Amino acid sequence: MTRKMLRGRLLTFHREPRTGADTGAYTYLEDGALLIRNGIIEQSGPFTEVAAQAGDVPVTDHRPHLLMAGFIDTHIHFPQVQVIASWGAQLLDWLNDYTFPEETRFASEAHCARMAQAFYDQLITHGTTTAVAYCSVHRSSADAFFAEAVRRNMRMLGGKVLMDRNAPDGLRDTPQSGYDDTKALISDWHGKGRGGYVITPRFAITSTPEQMEMARALAAEHPDCHIQTHLSENRDEIAYTAQLYPQARDYLDVYQSYGLLGPKTLLGHAIHLEPREIDALAQTGAHPVFCPTSNLFLGSGLFDQAGLSARGISNGIATDVGAGTSYSMLQTLNEGYKVLQLQGVALHPLQAFHWATRGNACVLGLEDKIGTLDPGSEADVVVLNARSTPAMALRMERASSLAEELFVLQMMGDDRAIEEVYVSGAASKSKTESRAIHCV
């Protein structure tokens, strides 16, 4: 049995704050402690109370920094780590010019293994302890993704994409091979360590009706797996989907008609929605995922967070690397704030940090495991330093509240603001940085 204690200022959420004044939505302790045993938070509370019951347990003192649950990224592309920041295209051209050629490289097991280590290093460096990832069409990419998750004992979700048309040679499967590979990957990895498999038809344009039928079968056979795909990101994408599926009432109906909508369904982007689609999202409990840096980078449009939330629809928020321009959930919240401002909606920092932690955990149905600092939760913890750069330190001289501190982190923070990251209770950012320095 291994036990340790982390000391610092603690912030954890119990529900989404209705306003900035909704203090009942969270617990904030100026001098708090987490008692961790075997990767699980055993006790959380004021330092004096936790220490009095902990006995002779080693203490890591992170004061004056802020401890929160690790960030959760609900939509990211593992094979796109080397095409982030590729210039000058909107969605369909960006896929054809950058994404698809890059993903063909993941036929190599050695390349997959190297990229998996680099991908996980970036997540940890930026404070992300759980992500939901698209792998490439190759089974080897998913194998590398999950093997690295097991090695680091991270709670990660992902799956190989199903795509049997409108993609280059070497980047297509078939309805049967996609089904067979997915079944084998679920058998190998779903529930192994902290991993969860996600059935992943990339989007309607790259899957034939025959493959969508196979996705339906996979979803029916594995109801405990999540499902992820893309929806209504770009006007040209929507028009092309309508040509390929003329019988569908709208874009969402492609997925709905194949039985792919439900509380475990994650729909990336979901920007240009019709009224019937919004009704269907509300009825089925499927979750749109807001990807602000990607939506701005590709010129896709503005996500209607307020309108969807008013219908009772729970939305995720995510980086969408590589069209997304940063691995940082802090920078994702930064750009999300601006997107909502353009629509007359002010995202309060307490709401923003709830969204990137417990909020995304609720979208995944994993709030009993991740996203909070509650006893019984897995000990994935991020340590935040709001004075990590000279500009932030200068601004913090005038900050007088927790909300102001969080907003400084949200608008000015990046990987430098991540002081340390604990994965299942193990300090991980310091190890990642030491490996990077050693490699240099």
Protein backbone atom coordinates (compact mmCIF):
# COMPACT_ATOMS: atom_id res chain seq x y z
CA MET A 1 0.00 0.00 0.00
CA THR A 2 1.33 3.44 -0.95
CA ARG A 3 0.01 6.59 0.69
CA LYS A 4 0.94 10.22 0.18
CA MET A 5 -0.46 13.64 0.92
CA LEU A 6 -0.63 16.72 -1.29
CA ARG A 7 -0.97 20.10 0.38
CA GLY A 8 -2.12 23.30 -1.28
CA ARG A 9 -5.15 25.42 -2.03
CA LEU A 10 -7.94 23.08 -3.16
CA LEU A 11 -10.76 23.75 -5.61
CA THR A 12 -13.29 21.09 -6.58
CA PHE A 13 -16.80 21.28 -8.03
CA HIS A 14 -19.99 19.54 -6.94
CA ARG A 15 -22.20 20.83 -9.75
CA GLU A 16 -22.08 23.45 -12.49
CA PRO A 17 -22.11 26.98 -11.05
CA ARG A 18 -25.24 28.85 -12.14
CA THR A 19 -23.44 32.19 -11.74
CA GLY A 20 -20.17 33.45 -10.36
CA ALA A 21 -21.87 33.94 -7.01
CA ASP A 22 -23.00 30.29 -6.76
CA THR A 23 -20.62 29.30 -3.97
CA GLY A 24 -22.57 26.15 -3.19
CA ALA A 25 -21.39 24.63 -6.48
CA TYR A 26 -17.81 24.18 -5.31
CA THR A 27 -15.49 23.80 -2.33
CA TYR A 28 -12.44 26.05 -2.03
CA LEU A 29 -9.91 25.60 0.78
CA GLU A 30 -7.04 28.03 1.36
CA ASP A 31 -5.02 25.31 3.10
CA GLY A 32 -6.25 21.92 2.01
CA ALA A 33 -4.91 18.42 1.62
CA LEU A 34 -5.50 15.30 -0.41
CA LEU A 35 -4.67 11.95 1.16
CA ILE A 36 -4.00 9.47 -1.63
CA ARG A 37 -3.78 5.71 -1.30
CA ASN A 38 -2.95 3.44 -4.24
CA GLY A 39 -3.93 6.08 -6.78
CA ILE A 40 -7.29 6.93 -5.20
CA ILE A 41 -8.20 10.01 -3.16
CA GLU A 42 -8.89 8.63 0.30
CA GLN A 43 -9.59 11.92 2.04
CA SER A 44 -9.95 15.56 1.02
CA GLY A 45 -10.35 18.52 3.33
CA PRO A 46 -8.58 21.12 5.47
CA PHE A 47 -4.93 20.24 5.97
CA THR A 48 -5.11 20.13 9.76
CA GLU A 49 -8.01 17.67 9.70
CA VAL A 50 -6.53 15.39 7.03
CA ALA A 51 -3.06 15.46 8.59
CA ALA A 52 -4.45 14.58 12.03
CA GLN A 53 -5.86 11.33 10.64
CA ALA A 54 -3.13 10.52 8.12
CA GLY A 55 -0.39 9.47 10.49
CA ASP A 56 3.18 9.30 9.22
CA VAL A 57 2.52 9.99 5.53
CA PRO A 58 4.94 11.92 3.30
CA VAL A 59 3.61 15.37 2.38
CA THR A 60 4.30 17.28 -0.84
CA ASP A 61 3.60 20.95 -0.16
CA HIS A 62 2.43 22.83 -3.25
CA ARG A 63 1.45 26.03 -1.47
CA PRO A 64 0.67 28.70 -2.63
CA HIS A 65 -0.46 26.93 -5.79
CA LEU A 66 -3.96 25.73 -6.60
CA LEU A 67 -4.84 22.02 -6.79
CA MET A 68 -7.71 20.91 -9.01
CA ALA A 69 -8.83 17.75 -10.76
CA GLY A 70 -6.85 17.06 -13.93
CA PHE A 71 -8.24 18.49 -17.16
CA ILE A 72 -10.35 16.33 -19.46
CA ASP A 73 -10.23 16.74 -23.26
CA THR A 74 -13.25 15.20 -24.98
CA HIS A 75 -12.13 15.39 -28.64
CA ILE A 76 -8.56 15.12 -29.96
CA HIS A 77 -6.83 13.41 -32.88
CA PHE A 78 -3.82 11.32 -31.88
CA PRO A 79 -2.41 10.98 -35.47
CA GLN A 80 -2.41 14.74 -36.08
CA VAL A 81 0.33 15.79 -33.67
CA GLN A 82 2.66 16.70 -36.54
CA VAL A 83 0.15 18.66 -38.63
CA ILE A 84 -0.98 21.07 -35.93
CA ALA A 85 -0.46 24.63 -37.25
CA SER A 86 -0.76 23.72 -40.96
CA TRP A 87 -1.59 26.80 -42.96
CA GLY A 88 -4.52 28.00 -44.94
CA ALA A 89 -7.48 25.68 -45.48
CA GLN A 90 -11.01 25.01 -44.35
CA LEU A 91 -12.25 21.63 -43.26
CA LEU A 92 -12.44 19.42 -46.36
CA ASP A 93 -9.28 20.83 -47.96
CA TRP A 94 -7.47 20.62 -44.62
CA LEU A 95 -8.35 16.94 -44.37
CA ASN A 96 -7.21 16.16 -47.90
CA ASP A 97 -4.08 18.34 -47.88
CA TYR A 98 -2.74 17.66 -44.39
CA THR A 99 -4.64 15.17 -42.27
CA PHE A 100 -5.04 12.21 -44.59
CA PRO A 101 -1.44 12.22 -45.88
CA GLU A 102 -0.19 12.42 -42.29
CA GLU A 103 -2.41 9.60 -41.08
CA THR A 104 -1.07 7.22 -43.75
CA ARG A 105 2.22 7.24 -41.80
CA PHE A 106 0.51 5.41 -38.93
CA ALA A 107 0.67 2.15 -40.85
CA SER A 108 4.13 1.90 -39.26
CA GLU A 109 4.12 0.40 -35.77
CA ALA A 110 7.39 2.14 -34.93
CA HIS A 111 5.95 5.52 -35.93
CA CYS A 112 2.81 4.85 -33.88
CA ALA A 113 4.85 4.03 -30.79
CA ARG A 114 7.02 7.14 -31.13
CA MET A 115 4.03 9.42 -31.67
CA ALA A 116 2.14 7.87 -28.76
CA GLN A 117 4.92 8.78 -26.34
CA ALA A 118 5.10 12.32 -27.74
CA PHE A 119 1.31 12.69 -27.66
CA TYR A 120 1.01 11.64 -24.01
CA ASP A 121 3.94 13.85 -23.05
CA GLN A 122 2.09 16.83 -24.51
CA LEU A 123 -1.13 16.00 -22.72
CA ILE A 124 0.59 15.73 -19.34
CA THR A 125 2.70 18.84 -19.90
CA HIS A 126 -0.50 20.80 -20.47
CA GLY A 127 -2.35 19.35 -17.47
CA THR A 128 -4.65 16.93 -19.31
CA THR A 129 -5.08 13.61 -17.51
CA THR A 130 -7.92 12.14 -19.58
CA ALA A 131 -8.67 12.51 -23.29
CA VAL A 132 -11.01 11.01 -25.86
CA ALA A 133 -8.98 10.40 -29.01
CA TYR A 134 -9.41 9.45 -32.62
CA CYS A 135 -6.70 7.06 -33.78
CA SER A 136 -6.00 6.43 -37.48
CA VAL A 137 -7.67 3.72 -39.55
CA HIS A 138 -4.79 1.38 -38.72
CA ARG A 139 -5.19 -1.07 -35.88
CA SER A 140 -1.57 -0.41 -34.96
CA SER A 141 -2.36 3.20 -34.07
CA ALA A 142 -4.99 2.15 -31.53
CA ASP A 143 -2.67 -0.51 -30.13
CA ALA A 144 0.03 2.10 -29.56
CA PHE A 145 -2.45 4.57 -28.09
CA PHE A 146 -3.79 2.11 -25.52
CA ALA A 147 -0.43 0.53 -24.73
CA GLU A 148 0.96 3.93 -23.77
CA ALA A 149 -2.13 4.65 -21.65
CA VAL A 150 -1.62 1.39 -19.76
CA ARG A 151 2.07 2.12 -19.29
CA ARG A 152 1.26 5.49 -17.71
CA ASN A 153 -1.86 4.26 -15.89
CA MET A 154 -3.97 7.03 -17.45
CA ARG A 155 -7.74 7.00 -17.90
CA MET A 156 -7.93 7.36 -21.67
CA LEU A 157 -10.61 6.67 -24.25
CA GLY A 158 -10.15 6.20 -27.97
CA GLY A 159 -10.69 4.11 -31.04
CA LYS A 160 -9.53 3.47 -34.56
CA VAL A 161 -11.55 5.38 -37.15
CA LEU A 162 -13.90 3.53 -39.47
CA MET A 163 -13.56 4.98 -42.98
CA ASP A 164 -14.11 3.03 -46.18
CA ARG A 165 -14.52 5.78 -48.79
CA ASN A 166 -13.43 9.31 -49.77
CA ALA A 167 -9.92 8.80 -48.43
CA PRO A 168 -6.56 7.93 -50.05
CA ASP A 169 -5.24 4.44 -50.68
CA GLY A 170 -3.78 3.08 -47.48
CA LEU A 171 -6.26 5.00 -45.37
CA ARG A 172 -9.41 3.00 -45.96
CA ASP A 173 -10.75 -0.13 -44.35
CA THR A 174 -13.82 -2.09 -45.45
CA PRO A 175 -17.08 -2.56 -43.57
CA GLN A 176 -15.97 -6.07 -42.57
CA SER A 177 -12.33 -5.29 -41.74
CA GLY A 178 -13.36 -2.22 -39.75
CA TYR A 179 -15.81 -4.32 -37.78
CA ASP A 180 -13.28 -7.12 -37.22
CA ASP A 181 -10.49 -4.77 -36.17
CA THR A 182 -12.78 -2.89 -33.80
CA LYS A 183 -14.00 -6.11 -32.20
CA ALA A 184 -10.43 -7.26 -31.68
CA LEU A 185 -9.38 -3.90 -30.22
CA ILE A 186 -12.32 -3.88 -27.82
CA SER A 187 -11.35 -7.37 -26.69
CA ASP A 188 -7.72 -6.35 -26.24
CA TRP A 189 -8.09 -2.94 -24.63
CA HIS A 190 -11.55 -2.03 -23.36
CA GLY A 191 -11.36 -2.05 -19.58
CA LYS A 192 -7.66 -2.87 -19.55
CA GLY A 193 -5.96 -0.62 -17.04
CA ARG A 194 -8.00 2.57 -17.10
CA GLY A 195 -8.73 2.45 -20.84
CA GLY A 196 -12.09 2.63 -22.56
CA TYR A 197 -12.80 1.88 -26.21
CA VAL A 198 -14.76 4.32 -28.38
CA ILE A 199 -16.53 3.11 -31.54
CA THR A 200 -15.42 5.68 -34.10
CA PRO A 201 -17.02 6.17 -37.52
CA ARG A 202 -14.95 9.21 -38.52
CA PHE A 203 -17.86 11.03 -40.13
CA ALA A 204 -20.61 10.32 -42.60
CA ILE A 205 -18.56 11.39 -45.62
CA THR A 206 -15.94 8.68 -45.07
CA SER A 207 -18.31 5.80 -44.27
CA THR A 208 -20.63 4.00 -46.66
CA PRO A 209 -24.10 2.88 -45.56
CA GLU A 210 -22.66 -0.63 -45.28
CA GLN A 211 -20.04 0.58 -42.82
CA MET A 212 -22.62 2.51 -40.85
CA GLU A 213 -24.55 -0.75 -40.51
CA MET A 214 -21.40 -2.31 -39.05
CA ALA A 215 -21.10 0.62 -36.63
CA ARG A 216 -24.69 -0.02 -35.59
CA ALA A 217 -23.84 -3.67 -34.92
CA LEU A 218 -20.78 -2.73 -32.87
CA ALA A 219 -22.77 -0.28 -30.78
CA ALA A 220 -25.47 -2.88 -30.13
CA GLU A 221 -22.93 -5.56 -29.20
CA HIS A 222 -20.89 -3.24 -26.93
CA PRO A 223 -23.32 -0.86 -25.20
CA ASP A 224 -20.70 -0.03 -22.57
CA CYS A 225 -18.45 1.58 -25.21
CA HIS A 226 -18.70 5.24 -26.12
CA ILE A 227 -19.31 6.36 -29.70
CA GLN A 228 -17.65 9.37 -31.33
CA THR A 229 -17.94 11.09 -34.69
CA HIS A 230 -18.17 14.54 -36.27
CA LEU A 231 -21.29 16.59 -37.00
CA SER A 232 -22.09 19.81 -38.87
CA GLU A 233 -18.68 21.44 -38.62
CA ASN A 234 -18.68 23.10 -42.03
CA ARG A 235 -21.33 24.11 -44.59
CA ASP A 236 -19.61 22.27 -47.46
CA GLU A 237 -19.37 19.16 -45.29
CA ILE A 238 -23.10 19.31 -44.60
CA ALA A 239 -23.93 19.69 -48.30
CA TYR A 240 -21.69 16.78 -49.28
CA THR A 241 -23.22 14.58 -46.59
CA ALA A 242 -26.69 15.38 -47.97
CA GLN A 243 -25.54 14.18 -51.41
CA LEU A 244 -24.16 10.94 -50.00
CA TYR A 245 -27.19 10.24 -47.80
CA PRO A 246 -30.15 11.71 -49.72
CA GLN A 247 -32.66 9.75 -47.66
CA ALA A 248 -31.54 11.41 -44.40
CA ARG A 249 -33.69 14.19 -42.97
CA ASP A 250 -30.54 16.09 -42.02
CA TYR A 251 -26.91 15.40 -41.09
CA LEU A 252 -27.67 14.11 -37.60
CA ASP A 253 -30.25 11.74 -39.01
CA VAL A 254 -27.46 9.77 -40.70
CA TYR A 255 -26.24 8.72 -37.25
CA GLN A 256 -29.67 8.58 -35.70
CA SER A 257 -31.02 6.25 -38.39
CA TYR A 258 -28.21 3.81 -37.63
CA GLY A 259 -28.90 3.78 -33.90
CA LEU A 260 -25.76 5.67 -32.92
CA LEU A 261 -27.26 8.39 -30.72
CA GLY A 262 -27.43 8.09 -26.95
CA PRO A 263 -25.87 9.36 -23.71
CA LYS A 264 -22.50 7.79 -24.64
CA THR A 265 -22.35 9.56 -28.05
CA LEU A 266 -19.88 12.43 -28.56
CA LEU A 267 -20.45 14.65 -31.60
CA GLY A 268 -17.53 16.89 -32.47
CA HIS A 269 -18.36 20.50 -33.43
CA ALA A 270 -22.16 20.47 -33.99
CA ILE A 271 -22.14 24.10 -35.10
CA HIS A 272 -24.71 24.43 -37.90
CA LEU A 273 -27.69 22.58 -36.46
CA GLU A 274 -31.27 22.46 -37.69
CA PRO A 275 -34.19 22.65 -35.21
CA ARG A 276 -34.99 18.96 -35.70
CA GLU A 277 -31.39 18.04 -34.91
CA ILE A 278 -31.47 20.03 -31.68
CA ASP A 279 -34.70 18.26 -30.73
CA ALA A 280 -33.07 14.88 -31.41
CA LEU A 281 -30.02 15.77 -29.30
CA ALA A 282 -32.26 16.73 -26.41
CA GLN A 283 -34.31 13.55 -26.77
CA THR A 284 -31.42 11.09 -27.10
CA GLY A 285 -28.99 12.61 -24.60
CA ALA A 286 -26.13 12.72 -27.14
CA HIS A 287 -23.40 15.27 -26.44
CA PRO A 288 -22.08 17.95 -28.81
CA VAL A 289 -18.43 18.84 -28.22
CA PHE A 290 -17.29 22.45 -28.55
CA CYS A 291 -13.84 22.81 -30.15
CA PRO A 292 -13.19 26.58 -30.11
CA THR A 293 -9.60 26.83 -31.33
CA SER A 294 -10.34 24.47 -34.23
CA ASN A 295 -13.60 26.21 -35.15
CA LEU A 296 -11.81 29.55 -35.31
CA PHE A 297 -8.72 28.19 -37.08
CA LEU A 298 -10.71 26.54 -39.87
CA GLY A 299 -13.28 29.33 -40.04
CA SER A 300 -16.06 26.85 -39.30
CA GLY A 301 -18.44 28.94 -37.19
CA LEU A 302 -19.59 29.72 -33.66
CA PHE A 303 -20.85 27.05 -31.28
CA ASP A 304 -24.19 27.86 -29.63
CA GLN A 305 -23.41 26.83 -26.06
CA ALA A 306 -26.17 28.93 -24.54
CA GLY A 307 -28.88 27.76 -26.92
CA LEU A 308 -28.03 24.08 -26.59
CA SER A 309 -27.71 24.27 -22.81
CA ALA A 310 -31.12 25.95 -22.62
CA ARG A 311 -32.55 22.80 -24.21
CA GLY A 312 -30.99 20.63 -21.51
CA ILE A 313 -28.19 19.40 -23.78
CA SER A 314 -24.84 18.77 -22.04
CA ASN A 315 -21.88 19.84 -24.14
CA GLY A 316 -18.24 18.88 -23.89
CA ILE A 317 -15.32 21.19 -24.58
CA ALA A 318 -12.12 20.04 -26.27
CA THR A 319 -8.92 20.98 -28.06
CA ASP A 320 -9.45 19.08 -31.36
CA VAL A 321 -5.71 18.99 -31.99
CA GLY A 322 -4.52 19.05 -34.84
CA ALA A 323 -7.03 21.53 -36.35
CA GLY A 324 -7.16 22.82 -32.81
CA THR A 325 -4.15 25.02 -32.20
CA SER A 326 -3.17 24.12 -28.63
CA TYR A 327 -3.05 21.07 -26.38
CA SER A 328 -3.86 23.39 -23.48
CA MET A 329 -7.33 23.25 -21.98
CA LEU A 330 -6.51 26.67 -20.50
CA GLN A 331 -6.11 28.09 -23.99
CA THR A 332 -9.18 26.17 -25.12
CA LEU A 333 -11.18 27.91 -22.39
CA ASN A 334 -9.59 31.20 -23.45
CA GLU A 335 -10.84 30.88 -27.03
CA GLY A 336 -14.16 29.44 -25.85
CA TYR A 337 -14.69 32.59 -23.81
CA LYS A 338 -14.17 34.72 -26.93
CA VAL A 339 -16.49 32.62 -29.09
CA LEU A 340 -19.25 33.01 -26.52
CA GLN A 341 -18.54 36.73 -26.16
CA LEU A 342 -19.23 37.14 -29.88
CA GLN A 343 -22.70 35.77 -29.14
CA GLY A 344 -23.32 38.00 -26.13
CA VAL A 345 -22.60 35.30 -23.54
CA ALA A 346 -20.06 35.78 -20.75
CA LEU A 347 -18.44 32.52 -19.58
CA HIS A 348 -17.57 32.97 -15.90
CA PRO A 349 -14.19 31.46 -14.93
CA LEU A 350 -15.79 29.21 -12.32
CA GLN A 351 -18.10 27.84 -15.02
CA ALA A 352 -15.13 27.45 -17.36
CA PHE A 353 -13.04 25.41 -14.92
CA HIS A 354 -16.02 23.28 -14.00
CA TRP A 355 -16.48 22.58 -17.73
CA ALA A 356 -12.90 21.38 -18.23
CA THR A 357 -13.04 19.10 -15.17
CA ARG A 358 -16.27 17.79 -13.67
CA GLY A 359 -18.36 19.04 -16.61
CA ASN A 360 -16.48 16.96 -19.16
CA ALA A 361 -16.47 14.03 -16.73
CA CYS A 362 -20.28 14.24 -16.59
CA VAL A 363 -20.46 14.30 -20.39
CA LEU A 364 -18.50 11.03 -20.36
CA GLY A 365 -20.57 9.56 -17.53
CA LEU A 366 -17.37 9.23 -15.49
CA GLU A 367 -17.96 11.81 -12.77
CA ASP A 368 -17.77 9.07 -10.15
CA LYS A 369 -14.19 8.36 -11.22
CA ILE A 370 -12.60 11.58 -12.51
CA GLY A 371 -13.18 15.32 -12.63
CA THR A 372 -13.32 16.08 -8.88
CA LEU A 373 -11.17 15.87 -5.76
CA ASP A 374 -13.84 13.94 -3.87
CA PRO A 375 -12.88 10.90 -1.79
CA GLY A 376 -13.11 7.81 -3.96
CA SER A 377 -12.08 9.65 -7.11
CA GLU A 378 -9.00 8.61 -9.02
CA ALA A 379 -6.10 10.83 -8.01
CA ASP A 380 -5.61 12.76 -11.24
CA VAL A 381 -4.62 16.24 -10.06
CA VAL A 382 -3.25 19.36 -11.69
CA VAL A 383 -1.24 21.99 -9.78
CA LEU A 384 -1.79 25.48 -11.18
CA ASN A 385 0.52 28.49 -10.80
CA ALA A 386 -1.15 31.77 -11.72
CA ARG A 387 2.18 33.61 -11.40
CA SER A 388 4.09 31.37 -13.77
CA THR A 389 5.12 34.12 -16.20
CA PRO A 390 6.19 37.70 -15.51
CA ALA A 391 3.06 39.04 -17.20
CA MET A 392 0.81 36.78 -15.13
CA ALA A 393 2.64 37.67 -11.91
CA LEU A 394 2.22 41.37 -12.69
CA ARG A 395 -1.51 40.90 -13.30
CA MET A 396 -1.89 38.82 -10.14
CA GLU A 397 -0.63 41.72 -8.02
CA ARG A 398 -4.07 43.25 -8.61
CA ALA A 399 -6.13 40.05 -8.28
CA SER A 400 -8.20 39.87 -5.11
CA SER A 401 -10.45 36.85 -5.57
CA LEU A 402 -10.42 33.22 -6.64
CA ALA A 403 -12.47 34.09 -9.72
CA GLU A 404 -9.89 36.68 -10.80
CA GLU A 405 -7.09 34.16 -10.35
CA LEU A 406 -8.94 31.57 -12.41
CA PHE A 407 -9.57 34.11 -15.17
CA VAL A 408 -5.86 34.99 -15.28
CA LEU A 409 -5.08 31.28 -15.68
CA GLN A 410 -7.79 30.92 -18.33
CA MET A 411 -6.75 33.90 -20.45
CA MET A 412 -2.98 33.99 -19.94
CA GLY A 413 -2.05 30.45 -18.88
CA ASP A 414 -0.51 27.65 -20.90
CA ASP A 415 1.80 24.73 -20.11
CA ARG A 416 4.00 27.05 -18.02
CA ALA A 417 1.12 27.50 -15.59
CA ILE A 418 1.01 23.75 -14.98
CA GLU A 419 3.33 23.32 -12.02
CA GLU A 420 2.83 19.56 -11.63
CA VAL A 421 0.44 16.83 -12.77
CA TYR A 422 -0.45 13.72 -10.80
CA VAL A 423 -1.74 10.68 -12.68
CA SER A 424 -3.21 8.06 -10.35
CA GLY A 425 -1.33 9.84 -7.59
CA ALA A 426 2.06 9.71 -9.34
CA ALA A 427 3.89 12.94 -10.15
CA SER A 428 4.12 12.92 -13.94
CA LYS A 429 4.91 16.33 -15.44
CA SER A 430 8.29 16.54 -13.70
CA LYS A 431 9.17 13.10 -15.09
CA THR A 432 8.03 14.07 -18.59
CA GLU A 433 10.09 17.25 -18.54
CA SER A 434 13.14 15.40 -17.23
CA ARG A 435 12.86 12.91 -20.08
CA ALA A 436 12.58 15.74 -22.62
CA ILE A 437 15.64 17.49 -21.19
CA HIS A 438 17.57 14.23 -21.18
CA CYS A 439 16.64 13.59 -24.82
CA VAL A 440 17.99 16.99 -25.82
